[in-house]
Amino acid sequence: MSVDSVKRPPSGPRAELKRQAIVRAARELFLREGFGVGMDTIAAEAGVSKVTVYNHFGSKETLFTAVITSALDESLAGESSAALEGLAEAEDLRTALVEAARTWVHAVRTNHEVTALRNLVAAELHRFPELGEAWKHHATESHHPAVAGALRSLAEQGRLEIPDLQVAIIQFYGLLVFPHMVFSSYGTHIDDDLTDRLVSNSIDMFLDHYSPRDT
């Protein structure tokens, strides 16, 4: 029976500060040394005991998924989140969607640590197949709330007709973010001009499919 199935992780302000320190230390060490880095090394880097690390996360796999979630959330924080939240109030929906998409895609393209974490999963997958499951699960779910909330609000307002929200979210990612993930995995990138054209045309495709039809 795993540690994290026996007891709940510590809670409260001090515990949260320790949790954040552990995640930061683990992220730096995973990127620098790979998934094989020891939990004792992570604990020392975070300035906590090894027992504290296990009390919070239970296993290295759980800690790695927390690192992934934290990193992936960054591209939908700050300006990206504000842009998505502002869609419901926008008078010109296409213009607002294009600007929100540009902000989001820029955050994705410039977060090199997220790219490095994806590459780490690919490099270590043959030794640690559980990393693939962690990435597959958290790489989508951690992004759903911000995008889902924006699309749901537009559908509730009648500005979009979305019969299947889950499909629409994946399509939104597929049009805007996945191309950059694929190219970066090959060690190359989509240039600025093509990125801008992709954003504009992708939003046009999305709106053409989900805009309300006149009856």
N, C-alpha and C. Protein backbone atom coordinates (compact mmCIF):
# COMPACT_ATOMS: atom_id res chain seq x y z
N MET A 1 0.85 -1.19 0.00
CA MET A 1 0.00 0.00 0.00
C MET A 1 0.89 1.24 0.00
N SER A 2 0.62 2.16 -0.87
CA SER A 2 1.46 3.34 -1.00
C SER A 2 1.23 4.31 0.14
N VAL A 3 2.22 5.17 0.36
CA VAL A 3 2.14 6.14 1.44
C VAL A 3 0.97 7.08 1.23
N ASP A 4 0.77 7.55 -0.03
CA ASP A 4 -0.26 8.54 -0.26
C ASP A 4 -1.66 7.95 -0.22
N SER A 5 -1.79 6.60 -0.18
CA SER A 5 -3.10 6.00 -0.03
C SER A 5 -3.46 5.81 1.44
N VAL A 6 -2.47 5.94 2.33
CA VAL A 6 -2.69 5.71 3.75
C VAL A 6 -3.04 7.01 4.47
N LYS A 7 -2.40 8.09 4.12
CA LYS A 7 -2.62 9.34 4.83
C LYS A 7 -2.75 10.50 3.84
N ARG A 8 -3.47 11.49 4.25
CA ARG A 8 -3.63 12.66 3.40
C ARG A 8 -2.38 13.52 3.43
N PRO A 9 -2.08 14.21 2.32
CA PRO A 9 -0.92 15.10 2.33
C PRO A 9 -1.11 16.21 3.35
N PRO A 10 -0.02 16.75 3.90
CA PRO A 10 -0.12 17.85 4.85
C PRO A 10 -0.84 19.04 4.22
N SER A 11 -1.54 19.81 5.03
CA SER A 11 -2.27 20.97 4.54
C SER A 11 -1.95 22.19 5.40
N GLY A 12 -2.38 23.36 4.93
CA GLY A 12 -2.11 24.60 5.65
C GLY A 12 -1.06 25.42 4.94
N PRO A 13 -0.91 26.68 5.32
CA PRO A 13 0.03 27.60 4.65
C PRO A 13 1.48 27.12 4.65
N ARG A 14 1.97 26.64 5.80
CA ARG A 14 3.36 26.18 5.87
C ARG A 14 3.56 24.95 5.00
N ALA A 15 2.60 24.05 5.02
CA ALA A 15 2.70 22.85 4.20
C ALA A 15 2.69 23.20 2.72
N GLU A 16 1.89 24.18 2.33
CA GLU A 16 1.83 24.59 0.93
C GLU A 16 3.15 25.19 0.47
N LEU A 17 3.79 25.97 1.35
CA LEU A 17 5.10 26.53 1.01
C LEU A 17 6.13 25.42 0.80
N LYS A 18 6.08 24.40 1.65
CA LYS A 18 7.00 23.27 1.48
C LYS A 18 6.70 22.52 0.20
N ARG A 19 5.41 22.35 -0.09
CA ARG A 19 5.02 21.66 -1.31
C ARG A 19 5.57 22.38 -2.54
N GLN A 20 5.40 23.70 -2.57
CA GLN A 20 5.89 24.49 -3.69
C GLN A 20 7.40 24.40 -3.82
N ALA A 21 8.11 24.40 -2.68
CA ALA A 21 9.57 24.29 -2.71
C ALA A 21 10.00 22.94 -3.26
N ILE A 22 9.27 21.89 -2.90
CA ILE A 22 9.59 20.54 -3.40
C ILE A 22 9.37 20.47 -4.91
N VAL A 23 8.26 21.01 -5.38
CA VAL A 23 7.97 20.98 -6.82
C VAL A 23 9.02 21.77 -7.60
N ARG A 24 9.39 22.95 -7.08
CA ARG A 24 10.42 23.76 -7.77
C ARG A 24 11.74 23.00 -7.83
N ALA A 25 12.15 22.42 -6.71
CA ALA A 25 13.41 21.67 -6.67
C ALA A 25 13.37 20.47 -7.60
N ALA A 26 12.25 19.75 -7.58
CA ALA A 26 12.12 18.56 -8.43
C ALA A 26 12.16 18.94 -9.90
N ARG A 27 11.50 20.02 -10.25
CA ARG A 27 11.50 20.46 -11.65
C ARG A 27 12.91 20.76 -12.12
N GLU A 28 13.65 21.50 -11.31
CA GLU A 28 15.03 21.84 -11.70
C GLU A 28 15.89 20.60 -11.82
N LEU A 29 15.76 19.68 -10.88
CA LEU A 29 16.60 18.49 -10.89
C LEU A 29 16.19 17.51 -11.98
N PHE A 30 14.89 17.34 -12.22
CA PHE A 30 14.45 16.47 -13.31
C PHE A 30 15.00 16.98 -14.64
N LEU A 31 14.95 18.29 -14.85
CA LEU A 31 15.45 18.86 -16.10
C LEU A 31 16.96 18.72 -16.21
N ARG A 32 17.64 18.83 -15.10
CA ARG A 32 19.11 18.80 -15.12
C ARG A 32 19.67 17.39 -15.13
N GLU A 33 19.03 16.47 -14.38
CA GLU A 33 19.62 15.15 -14.19
C GLU A 33 18.75 14.00 -14.69
N GLY A 34 17.49 14.29 -15.09
CA GLY A 34 16.61 13.24 -15.55
C GLY A 34 15.78 12.64 -14.42
N PHE A 35 14.90 11.72 -14.79
CA PHE A 35 13.97 11.15 -13.82
C PHE A 35 14.68 10.26 -12.80
N GLY A 36 15.89 9.85 -13.09
CA GLY A 36 16.61 8.97 -12.18
C GLY A 36 17.15 9.64 -10.93
N VAL A 37 17.01 10.95 -10.81
CA VAL A 37 17.50 11.65 -9.63
C VAL A 37 16.80 11.12 -8.38
N GLY A 38 17.55 11.01 -7.28
CA GLY A 38 17.00 10.43 -6.07
C GLY A 38 16.10 11.38 -5.29
N MET A 39 15.17 10.82 -4.55
CA MET A 39 14.26 11.63 -3.73
C MET A 39 15.03 12.34 -2.62
N ASP A 40 16.12 11.73 -2.14
CA ASP A 40 16.91 12.39 -1.11
C ASP A 40 17.58 13.65 -1.67
N THR A 41 18.00 13.60 -2.93
CA THR A 41 18.59 14.78 -3.57
C THR A 41 17.55 15.87 -3.74
N ILE A 42 16.35 15.49 -4.13
CA ILE A 42 15.26 16.47 -4.27
C ILE A 42 14.95 17.10 -2.92
N ALA A 43 14.90 16.28 -1.87
CA ALA A 43 14.61 16.79 -0.53
C ALA A 43 15.67 17.80 -0.09
N ALA A 44 16.94 17.46 -0.33
CA ALA A 44 18.03 18.37 0.07
C ALA A 44 17.94 19.68 -0.70
N GLU A 45 17.63 19.61 -2.01
CA GLU A 45 17.52 20.82 -2.83
C GLU A 45 16.37 21.70 -2.35
N ALA A 46 15.28 21.06 -1.88
CA ALA A 46 14.11 21.80 -1.42
C ALA A 46 14.26 22.29 0.02
N GLY A 47 15.27 21.79 0.74
CA GLY A 47 15.47 22.19 2.12
C GLY A 47 14.50 21.53 3.08
N VAL A 48 14.06 20.32 2.74
CA VAL A 48 13.15 19.57 3.60
C VAL A 48 13.70 18.16 3.78
N SER A 49 13.05 17.39 4.64
CA SER A 49 13.46 16.01 4.82
C SER A 49 12.86 15.12 3.74
N LYS A 50 13.47 13.96 3.56
CA LYS A 50 12.95 13.00 2.59
C LYS A 50 11.56 12.53 3.01
N VAL A 51 11.34 12.40 4.31
CA VAL A 51 10.03 12.00 4.83
C VAL A 51 8.97 13.03 4.43
N THR A 52 9.34 14.32 4.48
CA THR A 52 8.39 15.38 4.11
C THR A 52 8.00 15.25 2.64
N VAL A 53 8.96 14.94 1.79
CA VAL A 53 8.66 14.76 0.37
C VAL A 53 7.65 13.63 0.18
N TYR A 54 7.87 12.51 0.85
CA TYR A 54 6.95 11.38 0.72
C TYR A 54 5.60 11.67 1.36
N ASN A 55 5.61 12.43 2.44
CA ASN A 55 4.33 12.81 3.06
C ASN A 55 3.46 13.61 2.10
N HIS A 56 4.10 14.46 1.29
CA HIS A 56 3.35 15.30 0.36
C HIS A 56 2.97 14.56 -0.91
N PHE A 57 3.85 13.69 -1.40
CA PHE A 57 3.64 13.12 -2.74
C PHE A 57 3.56 11.60 -2.79
N GLY A 58 4.14 10.91 -1.83
CA GLY A 58 3.99 9.45 -1.78
C GLY A 58 4.93 8.68 -2.69
N SER A 59 5.24 9.21 -3.86
CA SER A 59 6.12 8.51 -4.80
C SER A 59 6.73 9.52 -5.77
N LYS A 60 7.80 9.09 -6.42
CA LYS A 60 8.44 9.97 -7.39
C LYS A 60 7.53 10.22 -8.60
N GLU A 61 6.74 9.19 -8.97
CA GLU A 61 5.82 9.37 -10.09
C GLU A 61 4.78 10.44 -9.78
N THR A 62 4.24 10.43 -8.56
CA THR A 62 3.27 11.44 -8.16
C THR A 62 3.91 12.82 -8.16
N LEU A 63 5.14 12.91 -7.68
CA LEU A 63 5.85 14.19 -7.69
C LEU A 63 6.07 14.67 -9.12
N PHE A 64 6.42 13.75 -10.02
CA PHE A 64 6.65 14.15 -11.40
C PHE A 64 5.38 14.69 -12.04
N THR A 65 4.24 14.06 -11.75
CA THR A 65 2.99 14.56 -12.32
C THR A 65 2.67 15.95 -11.77
N ALA A 66 3.04 16.21 -10.52
CA ALA A 66 2.84 17.54 -9.95
C ALA A 66 3.72 18.56 -10.66
N VAL A 67 4.94 18.16 -11.00
CA VAL A 67 5.84 19.05 -11.75
C VAL A 67 5.26 19.35 -13.13
N ILE A 68 4.74 18.32 -13.80
CA ILE A 68 4.14 18.49 -15.11
C ILE A 68 2.95 19.45 -15.03
N THR A 69 2.06 19.20 -14.06
CA THR A 69 0.87 20.02 -13.92
C THR A 69 1.24 21.47 -13.68
N SER A 70 2.20 21.70 -12.80
CA SER A 70 2.63 23.06 -12.48
C SER A 70 3.19 23.75 -13.72
N ALA A 71 4.00 23.02 -14.48
CA ALA A 71 4.63 23.62 -15.67
C ALA A 71 3.60 23.92 -16.75
N LEU A 72 2.69 22.99 -17.00
CA LEU A 72 1.71 23.18 -18.06
C LEU A 72 0.71 24.28 -17.73
N ASP A 73 0.44 24.45 -16.45
CA ASP A 73 -0.49 25.51 -16.05
C ASP A 73 0.05 26.90 -16.39
N GLU A 74 1.37 27.02 -16.51
CA GLU A 74 1.96 28.34 -16.70
C GLU A 74 1.52 29.00 -18.00
N SER A 75 1.31 28.23 -19.05
CA SER A 75 0.94 28.83 -20.32
C SER A 75 -0.49 29.34 -20.33
N LEU A 76 -1.30 28.90 -19.35
CA LEU A 76 -2.66 29.39 -19.25
C LEU A 76 -2.86 30.21 -17.97
N ALA A 77 -1.78 30.83 -17.52
CA ALA A 77 -1.85 31.72 -16.37
C ALA A 77 -1.64 33.15 -16.84
N GLY A 78 -1.83 34.09 -15.94
CA GLY A 78 -1.53 35.48 -16.24
C GLY A 78 -2.32 36.03 -17.41
N GLU A 79 -1.61 36.56 -18.40
CA GLU A 79 -2.24 37.21 -19.54
C GLU A 79 -3.11 36.23 -20.34
N SER A 80 -2.66 34.99 -20.47
CA SER A 80 -3.43 34.02 -21.24
C SER A 80 -4.79 33.77 -20.59
N SER A 81 -4.78 33.59 -19.28
CA SER A 81 -6.03 33.34 -18.55
C SER A 81 -6.95 34.55 -18.64
N ALA A 82 -6.39 35.75 -18.48
CA ALA A 82 -7.20 36.97 -18.54
C ALA A 82 -7.83 37.13 -19.92
N ALA A 83 -7.06 36.81 -20.96
CA ALA A 83 -7.58 36.94 -22.32
C ALA A 83 -8.73 35.97 -22.56
N LEU A 84 -8.61 34.75 -22.06
CA LEU A 84 -9.69 33.77 -22.22
C LEU A 84 -10.92 34.18 -21.43
N GLU A 85 -10.71 34.67 -20.21
CA GLU A 85 -11.84 35.08 -19.38
C GLU A 85 -12.58 36.27 -19.98
N GLY A 86 -11.85 37.11 -20.73
CA GLY A 86 -12.46 38.29 -21.31
C GLY A 86 -13.28 38.04 -22.56
N LEU A 87 -13.26 36.81 -23.08
CA LEU A 87 -13.99 36.51 -24.31
C LEU A 87 -15.49 36.72 -24.16
N ALA A 88 -16.01 36.39 -22.99
CA ALA A 88 -17.45 36.47 -22.79
C ALA A 88 -17.96 37.91 -22.90
N GLU A 89 -17.09 38.88 -22.65
CA GLU A 89 -17.50 40.29 -22.68
C GLU A 89 -17.15 40.98 -24.00
N ALA A 90 -16.47 40.26 -24.89
CA ALA A 90 -15.99 40.89 -26.12
C ALA A 90 -17.13 41.18 -27.10
N GLU A 91 -17.12 42.36 -27.68
CA GLU A 91 -18.11 42.71 -28.71
C GLU A 91 -17.78 42.03 -30.03
N ASP A 92 -16.51 42.07 -30.41
CA ASP A 92 -16.05 41.43 -31.65
C ASP A 92 -15.40 40.11 -31.26
N LEU A 93 -16.14 39.01 -31.36
CA LEU A 93 -15.66 37.72 -30.87
C LEU A 93 -14.45 37.23 -31.64
N ARG A 94 -14.45 37.39 -32.97
CA ARG A 94 -13.31 36.90 -33.73
C ARG A 94 -12.02 37.60 -33.32
N THR A 95 -12.06 38.92 -33.24
CA THR A 95 -10.87 39.69 -32.86
C THR A 95 -10.38 39.28 -31.47
N ALA A 96 -11.32 39.11 -30.54
CA ALA A 96 -10.96 38.73 -29.18
C ALA A 96 -10.36 37.33 -29.14
N LEU A 97 -10.93 36.40 -29.92
CA LEU A 97 -10.40 35.04 -29.98
C LEU A 97 -8.99 35.01 -30.57
N VAL A 98 -8.78 35.78 -31.61
CA VAL A 98 -7.45 35.83 -32.23
C VAL A 98 -6.42 36.36 -31.24
N GLU A 99 -6.77 37.42 -30.54
CA GLU A 99 -5.83 38.00 -29.58
C GLU A 99 -5.57 37.05 -28.41
N ALA A 100 -6.62 36.39 -27.92
CA ALA A 100 -6.44 35.43 -26.84
C ALA A 100 -5.57 34.26 -27.30
N ALA A 101 -5.81 33.80 -28.53
CA ALA A 101 -5.03 32.69 -29.06
C ALA A 101 -3.57 33.09 -29.24
N ARG A 102 -3.32 34.29 -29.72
CA ARG A 102 -1.93 34.75 -29.88
C ARG A 102 -1.21 34.78 -28.55
N THR A 103 -1.90 35.27 -27.51
CA THR A 103 -1.28 35.34 -26.19
C THR A 103 -0.96 33.94 -25.66
N TRP A 104 -1.91 33.03 -25.83
CA TRP A 104 -1.73 31.66 -25.36
C TRP A 104 -0.61 30.95 -26.13
N VAL A 105 -0.64 31.05 -27.44
CA VAL A 105 0.37 30.37 -28.27
C VAL A 105 1.76 30.94 -27.98
N HIS A 106 1.85 32.24 -27.78
CA HIS A 106 3.14 32.84 -27.44
C HIS A 106 3.68 32.26 -26.14
N ALA A 107 2.80 32.09 -25.14
CA ALA A 107 3.23 31.52 -23.86
C ALA A 107 3.72 30.09 -24.05
N VAL A 108 3.03 29.33 -24.89
CA VAL A 108 3.43 27.95 -25.15
C VAL A 108 4.78 27.90 -25.86
N ARG A 109 4.95 28.76 -26.87
CA ARG A 109 6.18 28.75 -27.68
C ARG A 109 7.40 29.18 -26.88
N THR A 110 7.22 30.06 -25.91
CA THR A 110 8.36 30.62 -25.19
C THR A 110 8.66 29.94 -23.87
N ASN A 111 7.84 28.95 -23.48
CA ASN A 111 8.10 28.22 -22.24
C ASN A 111 8.97 27.02 -22.57
N HIS A 112 10.28 27.25 -22.58
CA HIS A 112 11.21 26.21 -23.01
C HIS A 112 11.31 25.07 -22.00
N GLU A 113 11.00 25.33 -20.73
CA GLU A 113 11.07 24.27 -19.75
C GLU A 113 9.97 23.23 -19.97
N VAL A 114 8.80 23.68 -20.43
CA VAL A 114 7.74 22.73 -20.74
C VAL A 114 8.18 21.82 -21.89
N THR A 115 8.80 22.41 -22.90
CA THR A 115 9.34 21.61 -24.00
C THR A 115 10.36 20.61 -23.50
N ALA A 116 11.24 21.07 -22.60
CA ALA A 116 12.26 20.18 -22.05
C ALA A 116 11.64 19.04 -21.24
N LEU A 117 10.55 19.34 -20.51
CA LEU A 117 9.88 18.28 -19.75
C LEU A 117 9.25 17.26 -20.68
N ARG A 118 8.65 17.73 -21.78
CA ARG A 118 8.09 16.79 -22.76
C ARG A 118 9.19 15.90 -23.33
N ASN A 119 10.33 16.50 -23.64
CA ASN A 119 11.44 15.73 -24.19
C ASN A 119 11.99 14.75 -23.15
N LEU A 120 11.93 15.15 -21.87
CA LEU A 120 12.37 14.25 -20.81
C LEU A 120 11.50 13.01 -20.76
N VAL A 121 10.19 13.20 -20.87
CA VAL A 121 9.27 12.06 -20.88
C VAL A 121 9.61 11.12 -22.02
N ALA A 122 9.83 11.69 -23.22
CA ALA A 122 10.15 10.87 -24.38
C ALA A 122 11.46 10.11 -24.19
N ALA A 123 12.45 10.77 -23.60
CA ALA A 123 13.76 10.15 -23.43
C ALA A 123 13.75 9.05 -22.38
N GLU A 124 12.92 9.21 -21.34
CA GLU A 124 12.92 8.27 -20.23
C GLU A 124 11.83 7.20 -20.34
N LEU A 125 11.00 7.30 -21.38
CA LEU A 125 9.81 6.44 -21.45
C LEU A 125 10.15 4.96 -21.47
N HIS A 126 11.25 4.59 -22.11
CA HIS A 126 11.59 3.18 -22.19
C HIS A 126 11.98 2.61 -20.83
N ARG A 127 12.51 3.46 -19.94
CA ARG A 127 12.90 2.99 -18.60
C ARG A 127 11.78 3.17 -17.59
N PHE A 128 10.97 4.22 -17.79
CA PHE A 128 9.92 4.54 -16.83
C PHE A 128 8.60 4.76 -17.57
N PRO A 129 7.94 3.68 -18.02
CA PRO A 129 6.71 3.83 -18.82
C PRO A 129 5.60 4.57 -18.08
N GLU A 130 5.67 4.60 -16.73
CA GLU A 130 4.63 5.30 -15.98
C GLU A 130 4.66 6.81 -16.25
N LEU A 131 5.78 7.32 -16.74
CA LEU A 131 5.85 8.75 -17.06
C LEU A 131 4.93 9.08 -18.22
N GLY A 132 4.81 8.17 -19.17
CA GLY A 132 3.91 8.42 -20.29
C GLY A 132 2.47 8.52 -19.84
N GLU A 133 2.08 7.67 -18.89
CA GLU A 133 0.73 7.74 -18.36
C GLU A 133 0.52 9.04 -17.61
N ALA A 134 1.52 9.47 -16.86
CA ALA A 134 1.41 10.74 -16.12
C ALA A 134 1.26 11.89 -17.08
N TRP A 135 2.07 11.90 -18.14
CA TRP A 135 1.99 13.00 -19.11
C TRP A 135 0.65 12.98 -19.84
N LYS A 136 0.22 11.78 -20.27
CA LYS A 136 -1.02 11.67 -21.03
C LYS A 136 -2.20 12.17 -20.21
N HIS A 137 -2.20 11.86 -18.94
CA HIS A 137 -3.33 12.25 -18.08
C HIS A 137 -3.31 13.74 -17.77
N HIS A 138 -2.17 14.25 -17.36
CA HIS A 138 -2.13 15.62 -16.87
C HIS A 138 -1.95 16.65 -17.98
N ALA A 139 -1.40 16.24 -19.10
CA ALA A 139 -1.18 17.23 -20.15
C ALA A 139 -2.48 17.76 -20.72
N THR A 140 -3.57 17.02 -20.59
CA THR A 140 -4.85 17.53 -21.06
C THR A 140 -5.68 18.09 -19.92
N GLU A 141 -5.83 17.35 -18.84
CA GLU A 141 -6.73 17.77 -17.78
C GLU A 141 -6.31 19.09 -17.14
N SER A 142 -4.99 19.31 -17.03
CA SER A 142 -4.56 20.53 -16.35
C SER A 142 -4.93 21.78 -17.12
N HIS A 143 -5.16 21.63 -18.43
CA HIS A 143 -5.53 22.79 -19.24
C HIS A 143 -7.02 22.95 -19.46
N HIS A 144 -7.78 21.93 -19.16
CA HIS A 144 -9.20 21.99 -19.46
C HIS A 144 -9.95 23.13 -18.79
N PRO A 145 -9.72 23.43 -17.52
CA PRO A 145 -10.60 24.42 -16.87
C PRO A 145 -10.65 25.78 -17.54
N ALA A 146 -9.52 26.36 -17.89
CA ALA A 146 -9.52 27.70 -18.47
C ALA A 146 -10.17 27.71 -19.85
N VAL A 147 -9.79 26.76 -20.69
CA VAL A 147 -10.35 26.71 -22.05
C VAL A 147 -11.82 26.29 -21.99
N ALA A 148 -12.10 25.29 -21.18
CA ALA A 148 -13.49 24.81 -21.07
C ALA A 148 -14.40 25.92 -20.56
N GLY A 149 -13.92 26.67 -19.57
CA GLY A 149 -14.73 27.75 -19.02
C GLY A 149 -15.05 28.81 -20.05
N ALA A 150 -14.05 29.17 -20.85
CA ALA A 150 -14.26 30.19 -21.88
C ALA A 150 -15.25 29.71 -22.94
N LEU A 151 -15.07 28.49 -23.42
CA LEU A 151 -15.95 27.97 -24.47
C LEU A 151 -17.36 27.73 -23.92
N ARG A 152 -17.45 27.25 -22.69
CA ARG A 152 -18.77 27.01 -22.09
C ARG A 152 -19.55 28.33 -21.96
N SER A 153 -18.86 29.39 -21.52
CA SER A 153 -19.52 30.68 -21.37
C SER A 153 -20.04 31.20 -22.70
N LEU A 154 -19.26 31.05 -23.76
CA LEU A 154 -19.68 31.50 -25.08
C LEU A 154 -20.87 30.68 -25.58
N ALA A 155 -20.87 29.39 -25.26
CA ALA A 155 -22.01 28.56 -25.67
C ALA A 155 -23.27 28.94 -24.89
N GLU A 156 -23.11 29.21 -23.60
CA GLU A 156 -24.27 29.60 -22.78
C GLU A 156 -24.86 30.93 -23.24
N GLN A 157 -24.01 31.80 -23.76
CA GLN A 157 -24.48 33.08 -24.27
C GLN A 157 -25.13 32.95 -25.65
N GLY A 158 -24.99 31.79 -26.25
CA GLY A 158 -25.52 31.59 -27.59
C GLY A 158 -24.62 32.12 -28.69
N ARG A 159 -23.39 32.47 -28.33
CA ARG A 159 -22.46 33.02 -29.34
C ARG A 159 -21.73 31.90 -30.08
N LEU A 160 -21.71 30.72 -29.49
CA LEU A 160 -21.20 29.52 -30.15
C LEU A 160 -22.19 28.39 -29.90
N GLU A 161 -22.26 27.46 -30.84
CA GLU A 161 -23.07 26.25 -30.67
C GLU A 161 -22.11 25.06 -30.55
N ILE A 162 -21.97 24.56 -29.31
CA ILE A 162 -21.00 23.51 -29.04
C ILE A 162 -21.73 22.30 -28.46
N PRO A 163 -22.06 21.32 -29.27
CA PRO A 163 -22.78 20.14 -28.77
C PRO A 163 -21.91 19.21 -27.92
N ASP A 164 -20.60 19.20 -28.16
CA ASP A 164 -19.69 18.32 -27.42
C ASP A 164 -18.49 19.14 -26.99
N LEU A 165 -18.50 19.59 -25.73
CA LEU A 165 -17.45 20.49 -25.25
C LEU A 165 -16.08 19.83 -25.26
N GLN A 166 -16.01 18.56 -24.90
CA GLN A 166 -14.72 17.87 -24.87
C GLN A 166 -14.08 17.84 -26.25
N VAL A 167 -14.87 17.55 -27.27
CA VAL A 167 -14.36 17.55 -28.64
C VAL A 167 -13.89 18.96 -29.03
N ALA A 168 -14.67 19.97 -28.68
CA ALA A 168 -14.31 21.34 -29.03
C ALA A 168 -13.00 21.77 -28.38
N ILE A 169 -12.79 21.36 -27.13
CA ILE A 169 -11.54 21.70 -26.44
C ILE A 169 -10.35 21.09 -27.17
N ILE A 170 -10.46 19.79 -27.51
CA ILE A 170 -9.35 19.13 -28.19
C ILE A 170 -9.11 19.75 -29.57
N GLN A 171 -10.18 20.11 -30.26
CA GLN A 171 -10.03 20.78 -31.55
C GLN A 171 -9.33 22.13 -31.39
N PHE A 172 -9.69 22.84 -30.34
CA PHE A 172 -9.06 24.14 -30.08
C PHE A 172 -7.56 23.97 -29.86
N TYR A 173 -7.21 22.97 -29.05
CA TYR A 173 -5.79 22.67 -28.86
C TYR A 173 -5.12 22.23 -30.16
N GLY A 174 -5.83 21.36 -30.89
CA GLY A 174 -5.26 20.82 -32.12
C GLY A 174 -4.94 21.89 -33.13
N LEU A 175 -5.79 22.89 -33.22
CA LEU A 175 -5.57 23.98 -34.17
C LEU A 175 -4.47 24.93 -33.73
N LEU A 176 -4.40 25.20 -32.43
CA LEU A 176 -3.55 26.29 -31.96
C LEU A 176 -2.24 25.86 -31.32
N VAL A 177 -2.25 24.79 -30.52
CA VAL A 177 -1.09 24.46 -29.70
C VAL A 177 -0.33 23.24 -30.19
N PHE A 178 -1.06 22.19 -30.58
CA PHE A 178 -0.39 20.95 -30.94
C PHE A 178 0.64 21.08 -32.06
N PRO A 179 0.42 21.92 -33.09
CA PRO A 179 1.46 22.04 -34.12
C PRO A 179 2.81 22.44 -33.55
N HIS A 180 2.81 23.32 -32.56
CA HIS A 180 4.07 23.79 -31.97
C HIS A 180 4.70 22.68 -31.11
N MET A 181 3.87 21.88 -30.45
CA MET A 181 4.39 20.76 -29.68
C MET A 181 5.07 19.73 -30.60
N VAL A 182 4.42 19.45 -31.73
CA VAL A 182 4.97 18.47 -32.67
C VAL A 182 6.29 18.96 -33.25
N PHE A 183 6.33 20.19 -33.72
CA PHE A 183 7.55 20.72 -34.31
C PHE A 183 8.68 20.77 -33.29
N SER A 184 8.35 21.19 -32.05
CA SER A 184 9.41 21.28 -31.04
C SER A 184 9.97 19.91 -30.69
N SER A 185 9.16 18.87 -30.79
CA SER A 185 9.65 17.52 -30.51
C SER A 185 10.66 17.07 -31.55
N TYR A 186 10.62 17.71 -32.74
CA TYR A 186 11.59 17.41 -33.79
C TYR A 186 12.81 18.33 -33.73
N GLY A 187 12.85 19.19 -32.72
CA GLY A 187 13.98 20.10 -32.58
C GLY A 187 13.92 21.31 -33.47
N THR A 188 12.74 21.64 -33.99
CA THR A 188 12.60 22.82 -34.84
C THR A 188 11.40 23.62 -34.35
N HIS A 189 11.01 24.65 -35.11
CA HIS A 189 9.89 25.47 -34.66
C HIS A 189 9.20 26.10 -35.85
N ILE A 190 7.98 26.57 -35.60
CA ILE A 190 7.22 27.30 -36.61
C ILE A 190 7.54 28.77 -36.45
N ASP A 191 7.92 29.43 -37.53
CA ASP A 191 8.37 30.82 -37.39
C ASP A 191 7.20 31.76 -37.07
N ASP A 192 7.55 32.99 -36.73
CA ASP A 192 6.56 33.96 -36.24
C ASP A 192 5.47 34.25 -37.28
N ASP A 193 5.88 34.41 -38.53
CA ASP A 193 4.91 34.75 -39.57
C ASP A 193 3.91 33.62 -39.77
N LEU A 194 4.42 32.39 -39.86
CA LEU A 194 3.52 31.25 -40.04
C LEU A 194 2.65 31.05 -38.80
N THR A 195 3.21 31.28 -37.64
CA THR A 195 2.43 31.18 -36.40
C THR A 195 1.24 32.13 -36.43
N ASP A 196 1.49 33.36 -36.84
CA ASP A 196 0.42 34.35 -36.89
C ASP A 196 -0.66 33.94 -37.89
N ARG A 197 -0.24 33.43 -39.05
CA ARG A 197 -1.22 32.97 -40.04
C ARG A 197 -2.00 31.77 -39.54
N LEU A 198 -1.33 30.86 -38.85
CA LEU A 198 -2.02 29.69 -38.29
C LEU A 198 -3.07 30.11 -37.27
N VAL A 199 -2.73 31.06 -36.42
CA VAL A 199 -3.69 31.53 -35.42
C VAL A 199 -4.93 32.10 -36.09
N SER A 200 -4.74 33.02 -37.03
CA SER A 200 -5.87 33.67 -37.69
C SER A 200 -6.74 32.66 -38.43
N ASN A 201 -6.11 31.79 -39.20
CA ASN A 201 -6.88 30.81 -39.97
C ASN A 201 -7.54 29.76 -39.08
N SER A 202 -6.87 29.39 -37.99
CA SER A 202 -7.44 28.41 -37.07
C SER A 202 -8.69 28.95 -36.39
N ILE A 203 -8.65 30.22 -35.99
CA ILE A 203 -9.83 30.82 -35.37
C ILE A 203 -10.97 30.91 -36.39
N ASP A 204 -10.65 31.23 -37.64
CA ASP A 204 -11.68 31.27 -38.68
C ASP A 204 -12.32 29.88 -38.85
N MET A 205 -11.50 28.84 -38.85
CA MET A 205 -12.02 27.48 -38.99
C MET A 205 -12.91 27.12 -37.79
N PHE A 206 -12.45 27.46 -36.61
CA PHE A 206 -13.19 27.15 -35.39
C PHE A 206 -14.55 27.86 -35.38
N LEU A 207 -14.54 29.14 -35.73
CA LEU A 207 -15.78 29.90 -35.75
C LEU A 207 -16.71 29.46 -36.87
N ASP A 208 -16.13 29.08 -38.00
CA ASP A 208 -16.95 28.62 -39.11
C ASP A 208 -17.73 27.36 -38.71
N HIS A 209 -17.10 26.54 -37.87
CA HIS A 209 -17.75 25.29 -37.45
C HIS A 209 -18.73 25.51 -36.29
N TYR A 210 -18.40 26.41 -35.37
CA TYR A 210 -19.20 26.53 -34.15
C TYR A 210 -20.06 27.78 -34.04
N SER A 211 -19.96 28.68 -34.98
CA SER A 211 -20.85 29.85 -34.93
C SER A 211 -22.29 29.43 -35.16
N PRO A 212 -23.23 30.09 -34.48
CA PRO A 212 -24.65 29.73 -34.66
C PRO A 212 -25.08 29.88 -36.12
N ARG A 213 -25.87 28.94 -36.57
CA ARG A 213 -26.38 28.98 -37.93
C ARG A 213 -27.73 29.70 -37.95
N ASP A 214 -27.95 30.52 -38.96
CA ASP A 214 -29.25 31.18 -39.12
C ASP A 214 -30.30 30.14 -39.50
N THR A 215 -31.44 30.21 -38.86
CA THR A 215 -32.51 29.25 -39.16
C THR A 215 -33.67 29.92 -39.86
